[in-house]
Amino acid sequence: MAINIDQINAMEAWFSLRNDPDFISATPEERYERRLSLADDMKERGIIDSDEWRELTEEAVAAYADELG
C-alpha cells in the first residue's frame, strides 16, 4: 500500500482549519470560500479525485448552512 504524503498533508490542512484563529474569526461566507478553495486546490493538484472533491464541497455547504443556523 502506497502512502500519499501530499494527500495526508492536504487533509491535515483541511481539518486544521477548525483550530486556525484566522479561519475561526472569519465570516461564515469567508470560511465557506476558504473550504471550497482548499478543496479545489487539492483536486487541481491531483491529490483528491472528483468523488473526494464532491464530499469536501458537500461538507463545506453543510458547515456553511450550520453556521448560518
PDB file of N, CA and C in Angstrom:
ATOM      1  N   MET A   1       0.839  -1.173   0.000  1.00  0.00           N
ATOM      2  CA  MET A   1       0.000   0.000   0.000  1.00  0.00           C
ATOM      3  C   MET A   1       0.886   1.240   0.000  1.00  0.00           C
ATOM      4  N   ALA A   2       0.646   2.117  -0.949  1.00  0.00           N
ATOM      5  CA  ALA A   2       1.431   3.349  -1.052  1.00  0.00           C
ATOM      6  C   ALA A   2       0.780   4.439  -0.216  1.00  0.00           C
ATOM      7  N   ILE A   3       1.615   5.192   0.446  1.00  0.00           N
ATOM      8  CA  ILE A   3       1.136   6.306   1.256  1.00  0.00           C
ATOM      9  C   ILE A   3       1.371   7.586   0.466  1.00  0.00           C
ATOM     10  N   ASN A   4       0.316   8.355   0.269  1.00  0.00           N
ATOM     11  CA  ASN A   4       0.407   9.605  -0.455  1.00  0.00           C
ATOM     12  C   ASN A   4       0.553  10.742   0.562  1.00  0.00           C
ATOM     13  N   ILE A   5       1.792  11.163   0.764  1.00  0.00           N
ATOM     14  CA  ILE A   5       2.098  12.204   1.754  1.00  0.00           C
ATOM     15  C   ILE A   5       1.397  13.511   1.407  1.00  0.00           C
ATOM     16  N   ASP A   6       1.326  13.843   0.109  1.00  0.00           N
ATOM     17  CA  ASP A   6       0.645  15.081  -0.287  1.00  0.00           C
ATOM     18  C   ASP A   6      -0.823  15.060   0.118  1.00  0.00           C
ATOM     19  N   GLN A   7      -1.467  13.896  -0.041  1.00  0.00           N
ATOM     20  CA  GLN A   7      -2.874  13.787   0.331  1.00  0.00           C
ATOM     21  C   GLN A   7      -3.030  13.903   1.849  1.00  0.00           C
ATOM     22  N   ILE A   8      -2.146  13.274   2.580  1.00  0.00           N
ATOM     23  CA  ILE A   8      -2.200  13.364   4.045  1.00  0.00           C
ATOM     24  C   ILE A   8      -2.025  14.810   4.490  1.00  0.00           C
ATOM     25  N   ASN A   9      -1.044  15.492   3.928  1.00  0.00           N
ATOM     26  CA  ASN A   9      -0.804  16.894   4.296  1.00  0.00           C
ATOM     27  C   ASN A   9      -1.993  17.786   3.935  1.00  0.00           C
ATOM     28  N   ALA A  10      -2.589  17.540   2.779  1.00  0.00           N
ATOM     29  CA  ALA A  10      -3.734  18.343   2.358  1.00  0.00           C
ATOM     30  C   ALA A  10      -4.928  18.116   3.277  1.00  0.00           C
ATOM     31  N   MET A  11      -5.172  16.879   3.643  1.00  0.00           N
ATOM     32  CA  MET A  11      -6.295  16.598   4.531  1.00  0.00           C
ATOM     33  C   MET A  11      -6.026  17.144   5.936  1.00  0.00           C
ATOM     34  N   GLU A  12      -4.778  17.119   6.367  1.00  0.00           N
ATOM     35  CA  GLU A  12      -4.448  17.737   7.655  1.00  0.00           C
ATOM     36  C   GLU A  12      -4.734  19.236   7.600  1.00  0.00           C
ATOM     37  N   ALA A  13      -4.427  19.864   6.475  1.00  0.00           N
ATOM     38  CA  ALA A  13      -4.706  21.294   6.316  1.00  0.00           C
ATOM     39  C   ALA A  13      -6.211  21.548   6.380  1.00  0.00           C
ATOM     40  N   TRP A  14      -6.996  20.655   5.770  1.00  0.00           N
ATOM     41  CA  TRP A  14      -8.467  20.783   5.788  1.00  0.00           C
ATOM     42  C   TRP A  14      -8.980  20.742   7.228  1.00  0.00           C
ATOM     43  N   PHE A  15      -8.523  19.745   7.991  1.00  0.00           N
ATOM     44  CA  PHE A  15      -9.024  19.585   9.348  1.00  0.00           C
ATOM     45  C   PHE A  15      -8.418  20.589  10.325  1.00  0.00           C
ATOM     46  N   SER A  16      -7.246  21.119  10.010  1.00  0.00           N
ATOM     47  CA  SER A  16      -6.630  22.106  10.904  1.00  0.00           C
ATOM     48  C   SER A  16      -7.334  23.456  10.837  1.00  0.00           C
ATOM     49  N   LEU A  17      -8.192  23.657   9.833  1.00  0.00           N
ATOM     50  CA  LEU A  17      -8.948  24.909   9.757  1.00  0.00           C
ATOM     51  C   LEU A  17      -9.727  25.149  11.039  1.00  0.00           C
ATOM     52  N   ARG A  18     -10.190  24.079  11.651  1.00  0.00           N
ATOM     53  CA  ARG A  18     -11.004  24.191  12.873  1.00  0.00           C
ATOM     54  C   ARG A  18     -10.259  24.878  14.016  1.00  0.00           C
ATOM     55  N   ASN A  19      -8.924  24.858  13.969  1.00  0.00           N
ATOM     56  CA  ASN A  19      -8.113  25.448  15.033  1.00  0.00           C
ATOM     57  C   ASN A  19      -7.363  26.699  14.585  1.00  0.00           C
ATOM     58  N   ASP A  20      -7.607  27.137  13.368  1.00  0.00           N
ATOM     59  CA  ASP A  20      -6.917  28.296  12.810  1.00  0.00           C
ATOM     60  C   ASP A  20      -7.635  29.571  13.255  1.00  0.00           C
ATOM     61  N   PRO A  21      -6.963  30.431  14.038  1.00  0.00           N
ATOM     62  CA  PRO A  21      -7.606  31.647  14.542  1.00  0.00           C
ATOM     63  C   PRO A  21      -8.151  32.550  13.427  1.00  0.00           C
ATOM     64  N   ASP A  22      -7.433  32.669  12.314  1.00  0.00           N
ATOM     65  CA  ASP A  22      -7.907  33.499  11.205  1.00  0.00           C
ATOM     66  C   ASP A  22      -9.176  32.911  10.601  1.00  0.00           C
ATOM     67  N   PHE A  23      -9.219  31.596  10.492  1.00  0.00           N
ATOM     68  CA  PHE A  23     -10.398  30.923   9.952  1.00  0.00           C
ATOM     69  C   PHE A  23     -11.572  31.076  10.899  1.00  0.00           C
ATOM     70  N   ILE A  24     -11.334  30.882  12.170  1.00  0.00           N
ATOM     71  CA  ILE A  24     -12.396  30.960  13.181  1.00  0.00           C
ATOM     72  C   ILE A  24     -12.988  32.361  13.243  1.00  0.00           C
ATOM     73  N   SER A  25     -12.154  33.380  13.088  1.00  0.00           N
ATOM     74  CA  SER A  25     -12.642  34.758  13.197  1.00  0.00           C
ATOM     75  C   SER A  25     -13.258  35.274  11.894  1.00  0.00           C
ATOM     76  N   ALA A  26     -13.194  34.502  10.835  1.00  0.00           N
ATOM     77  CA  ALA A  26     -13.759  34.911   9.543  1.00  0.00           C
ATOM     78  C   ALA A  26     -15.281  34.795   9.565  1.00  0.00           C
ATOM     79  N   THR A  27     -15.913  35.424   8.602  1.00  0.00           N
ATOM     80  CA  THR A  27     -17.368  35.319   8.473  1.00  0.00           C
ATOM     81  C   THR A  27     -17.717  33.926   7.930  1.00  0.00           C
ATOM     82  N   PRO A  28     -18.960  33.504   8.090  1.00  0.00           N
ATOM     83  CA  PRO A  28     -19.354  32.207   7.522  1.00  0.00           C
ATOM     84  C   PRO A  28     -19.084  32.128   6.015  1.00  0.00           C
ATOM     85  N   GLU A  29     -19.319  33.218   5.311  1.00  0.00           N
ATOM     86  CA  GLU A  29     -19.068  33.249   3.869  1.00  0.00           C
ATOM     87  C   GLU A  29     -17.585  33.052   3.562  1.00  0.00           C
ATOM     88  N   GLU A  30     -16.734  33.724   4.337  1.00  0.00           N
ATOM     89  CA  GLU A  30     -15.283  33.593   4.135  1.00  0.00           C
ATOM     90  C   GLU A  30     -14.812  32.176   4.447  1.00  0.00           C
ATOM     91  N   ARG A  31     -15.368  31.579   5.498  1.00  0.00           N
ATOM     92  CA  ARG A  31     -14.994  30.194   5.832  1.00  0.00           C
ATOM     93  C   ARG A  31     -15.439  29.244   4.726  1.00  0.00           C
ATOM     94  N   TYR A  32     -16.640  29.470   4.207  1.00  0.00           N
ATOM     95  CA  TYR A  32     -17.158  28.647   3.112  1.00  0.00           C
ATOM     96  C   TYR A  32     -16.236  28.753   1.894  1.00  0.00           C
ATOM     97  N   GLU A  33     -15.880  29.974   1.523  1.00  0.00           N
ATOM     98  CA  GLU A  33     -15.000  30.191   0.368  1.00  0.00           C
ATOM     99  C   GLU A  33     -13.627  29.555   0.579  1.00  0.00           C
ATOM    100  N   ARG A  34     -13.126  29.629   1.794  1.00  0.00           N
ATOM    101  CA  ARG A  34     -11.813  29.036   2.072  1.00  0.00           C
ATOM    102  C   ARG A  34     -11.862  27.521   1.958  1.00  0.00           C
ATOM    103  N   ARG A  35     -12.933  26.930   2.464  1.00  0.00           N
ATOM    104  CA  ARG A  35     -13.091  25.479   2.335  1.00  0.00           C
ATOM    105  C   ARG A  35     -13.157  25.081   0.861  1.00  0.00           C
ATOM    106  N   LEU A  36     -13.967  25.800   0.095  1.00  0.00           N
ATOM    107  CA  LEU A  36     -14.085  25.476  -1.334  1.00  0.00           C
ATOM    108  C   LEU A  36     -12.761  25.652  -2.052  1.00  0.00           C
ATOM    109  N   SER A  37     -12.045  26.708  -1.738  1.00  0.00           N
ATOM    110  CA  SER A  37     -10.752  26.964  -2.365  1.00  0.00           C
ATOM    111  C   SER A  37      -9.766  25.839  -2.059  1.00  0.00           C
ATOM    112  N   LEU A  38      -9.752  25.393  -0.836  1.00  0.00           N
ATOM    113  CA  LEU A  38      -8.851  24.307  -0.444  1.00  0.00           C
ATOM    114  C   LEU A  38      -9.220  23.017  -1.180  1.00  0.00           C
ATOM    115  N   ALA A  39     -10.507  22.723  -1.268  1.00  0.00           N
ATOM    116  CA  ALA A  39     -10.952  21.527  -1.984  1.00  0.00           C
ATOM    117  C   ALA A  39     -10.590  21.625  -3.468  1.00  0.00           C
ATOM    118  N   ASP A  40     -10.825  22.790  -4.064  1.00  0.00           N
ATOM    119  CA  ASP A  40     -10.487  22.990  -5.471  1.00  0.00           C
ATOM    120  C   ASP A  40      -8.991  22.808  -5.706  1.00  0.00           C
ATOM    121  N   ASP A  41      -8.193  23.367  -4.820  1.00  0.00           N
ATOM    122  CA  ASP A  41      -6.740  23.257  -4.939  1.00  0.00           C
ATOM    123  C   ASP A  41      -6.288  21.799  -4.876  1.00  0.00           C
ATOM    124  N   MET A  42      -6.860  21.039  -3.954  1.00  0.00           N
ATOM    125  CA  MET A  42      -6.486  19.626  -3.835  1.00  0.00           C
ATOM    126  C   MET A  42      -6.854  18.862  -5.105  1.00  0.00           C
ATOM    127  N   LYS A  43      -8.017  19.174  -5.674  1.00  0.00           N
ATOM    128  CA  LYS A  43      -8.441  18.487  -6.894  1.00  0.00           C
ATOM    129  C   LYS A  43      -7.551  18.874  -8.066  1.00  0.00           C
ATOM    130  N   GLU A  44      -7.244  20.156  -8.201  1.00  0.00           N
ATOM    131  CA  GLU A  44      -6.391  20.631  -9.288  1.00  0.00           C
ATOM    132  C   GLU A  44      -4.995  20.016  -9.220  1.00  0.00           C
ATOM    133  N   ARG A  45      -4.497  19.801  -8.023  1.00  0.00           N
ATOM    134  CA  ARG A  45      -3.165  19.215  -7.850  1.00  0.00           C
ATOM    135  C   ARG A  45      -3.188  17.695  -7.968  1.00  0.00           C
ATOM    136  N   GLY A  46      -4.379  17.117  -8.120  1.00  0.00           N
ATOM    137  CA  GLY A  46      -4.496  15.667  -8.279  1.00  0.00           C
ATOM    138  C   GLY A  46      -4.371  14.897  -6.981  1.00  0.00           C
ATOM    139  N   ILE A  47      -4.522  15.603  -5.871  1.00  0.00           N
ATOM    140  CA  ILE A  47      -4.399  14.966  -4.561  1.00  0.00           C
ATOM    141  C   ILE A  47      -5.668  14.197  -4.218  1.00  0.00           C
ATOM    142  N   ILE A  48      -6.805  14.713  -4.685  1.00  0.00           N
ATOM    143  CA  ILE A  48      -8.084  14.030  -4.466  1.00  0.00           C
ATOM    144  C   ILE A  48      -8.767  13.847  -5.814  1.00  0.00           C
ATOM    145  N   ASP A  49      -9.663  12.891  -5.874  1.00  0.00           N
ATOM    146  CA  ASP A  49     -10.415  12.680  -7.108  1.00  0.00           C
ATOM    147  C   ASP A  49     -11.752  13.423  -7.034  1.00  0.00           C
ATOM    148  N   SER A  50     -12.545  13.287  -8.073  1.00  0.00           N
ATOM    149  CA  SER A  50     -13.814  14.013  -8.156  1.00  0.00           C
ATOM    150  C   SER A  50     -14.785  13.642  -7.042  1.00  0.00           C
ATOM    151  N   ASP A  51     -14.808  12.362  -6.680  1.00  0.00           N
ATOM    152  CA  ASP A  51     -15.702  11.942  -5.597  1.00  0.00           C
ATOM    153  C   ASP A  51     -15.283  12.544  -4.263  1.00  0.00           C
ATOM    154  N   GLU A  52     -13.987  12.550  -4.000  1.00  0.00           N
ATOM    155  CA  GLU A  52     -13.490  13.140  -2.751  1.00  0.00           C
ATOM    156  C   GLU A  52     -13.737  14.654  -2.744  1.00  0.00           C
ATOM    157  N   TRP A  53     -13.544  15.289  -3.911  1.00  0.00           N
ATOM    158  CA  TRP A  53     -13.808  16.724  -4.022  1.00  0.00           C
ATOM    159  C   TRP A  53     -15.271  17.003  -3.714  1.00  0.00           C
ATOM    160  N   ARG A  54     -16.163  16.190  -4.270  1.00  0.00           N
ATOM    161  CA  ARG A  54     -17.602  16.358  -4.030  1.00  0.00           C
ATOM    162  C   ARG A  54     -17.912  16.230  -2.544  1.00  0.00           C
ATOM    163  N   GLU A  55     -17.305  15.266  -1.875  1.00  0.00           N
ATOM    164  CA  GLU A  55     -17.534  15.090  -0.439  1.00  0.00           C
ATOM    165  C   GLU A  55     -17.094  16.326   0.336  1.00  0.00           C
ATOM    166  N   LEU A  56     -15.943  16.877  -0.018  1.00  0.00           N
ATOM    167  CA  LEU A  56     -15.452  18.065   0.688  1.00  0.00           C
ATOM    168  C   LEU A  56     -16.335  19.273   0.417  1.00  0.00           C
ATOM    169  N   THR A  57     -16.797  19.430  -0.811  1.00  0.00           N
ATOM    170  CA  THR A  57     -17.663  20.568  -1.106  1.00  0.00           C
ATOM    171  C   THR A  57     -19.011  20.404  -0.414  1.00  0.00           C
ATOM    172  N   GLU A  58     -19.509  19.184  -0.322  1.00  0.00           N
ATOM    173  CA  GLU A  58     -20.752  18.949   0.418  1.00  0.00           C
ATOM    174  C   GLU A  58     -20.561  19.254   1.897  1.00  0.00           C
ATOM    175  N   GLU A  59     -19.398  18.916   2.422  1.00  0.00           N
ATOM    176  CA  GLU A  59     -19.091  19.236   3.821  1.00  0.00           C
ATOM    177  C   GLU A  59     -19.028  20.752   4.009  1.00  0.00           C
ATOM    178  N   ALA A  60     -18.458  21.450   3.034  1.00  0.00           N
ATOM    179  CA  ALA A  60     -18.378  22.912   3.110  1.00  0.00           C
ATOM    180  C   ALA A  60     -19.778  23.532   3.102  1.00  0.00           C
ATOM    181  N   VAL A  61     -20.656  23.019   2.258  1.00  0.00           N
ATOM    182  CA  VAL A  61     -22.030  23.517   2.188  1.00  0.00           C
ATOM    183  C   VAL A  61     -22.754  23.252   3.506  1.00  0.00           C
ATOM    184  N   ALA A  62     -22.593  22.050   4.038  1.00  0.00           N
ATOM    185  CA  ALA A  62     -23.256  21.692   5.299  1.00  0.00           C
ATOM    186  C   ALA A  62     -22.749  22.564   6.448  1.00  0.00           C
ATOM    187  N   ALA A  63     -21.450  22.797   6.496  1.00  0.00           N
ATOM    188  CA  ALA A  63     -20.878  23.635   7.555  1.00  0.00           C
ATOM    189  C   ALA A  63     -21.393  25.069   7.437  1.00  0.00           C
ATOM    190  N   TYR A  64     -21.459  25.560   6.208  1.00  0.00           N
ATOM    191  CA  TYR A  64     -21.975  26.916   5.983  1.00  0.00           C
ATOM    192  C   TYR A  64     -23.423  27.029   6.437  1.00  0.00           C
ATOM    193  N   ALA A  65     -24.231  26.086   6.051  1.00  0.00           N
ATOM    194  CA  ALA A  65     -25.647  26.085   6.463  1.00  0.00           C
ATOM    195  C   ALA A  65     -25.778  26.011   7.974  1.00  0.00           C
ATOM    196  N   ASP A  66     -24.951  25.194   8.599  1.00  0.00           N
ATOM    197  CA  ASP A  66     -24.981  25.052  10.049  1.00  0.00           C
ATOM    198  C   ASP A  66     -24.583  26.351  10.742  1.00  0.00           C
ATOM    199  N   GLU A  67     -23.567  27.022  10.193  1.00  0.00           N
ATOM    200  CA  GLU A  67     -23.095  28.271  10.784  1.00  0.00           C
ATOM    201  C   GLU A  67     -24.142  29.380  10.663  1.00  0.00           C
ATOM    202  N   LEU A  68     -24.932  29.330   9.605  1.00  0.00           N
ATOM    203  CA  LEU A  68     -25.967  30.352   9.424  1.00  0.00           C
ATOM    204  C   LEU A  68     -27.202  30.084  10.282  1.00  0.00           C
ATOM    205  N   GLY A  69     -27.293  28.842  10.748  1.00  0.00           N
ATOM    206  CA  GLY A  69     -28.395  28.492  11.634  1.00  0.00           C
ATOM    207  C   GLY A  69     -29.525  27.951  10.897  1.00  0.00           C
TER     208      GLY A  69
END
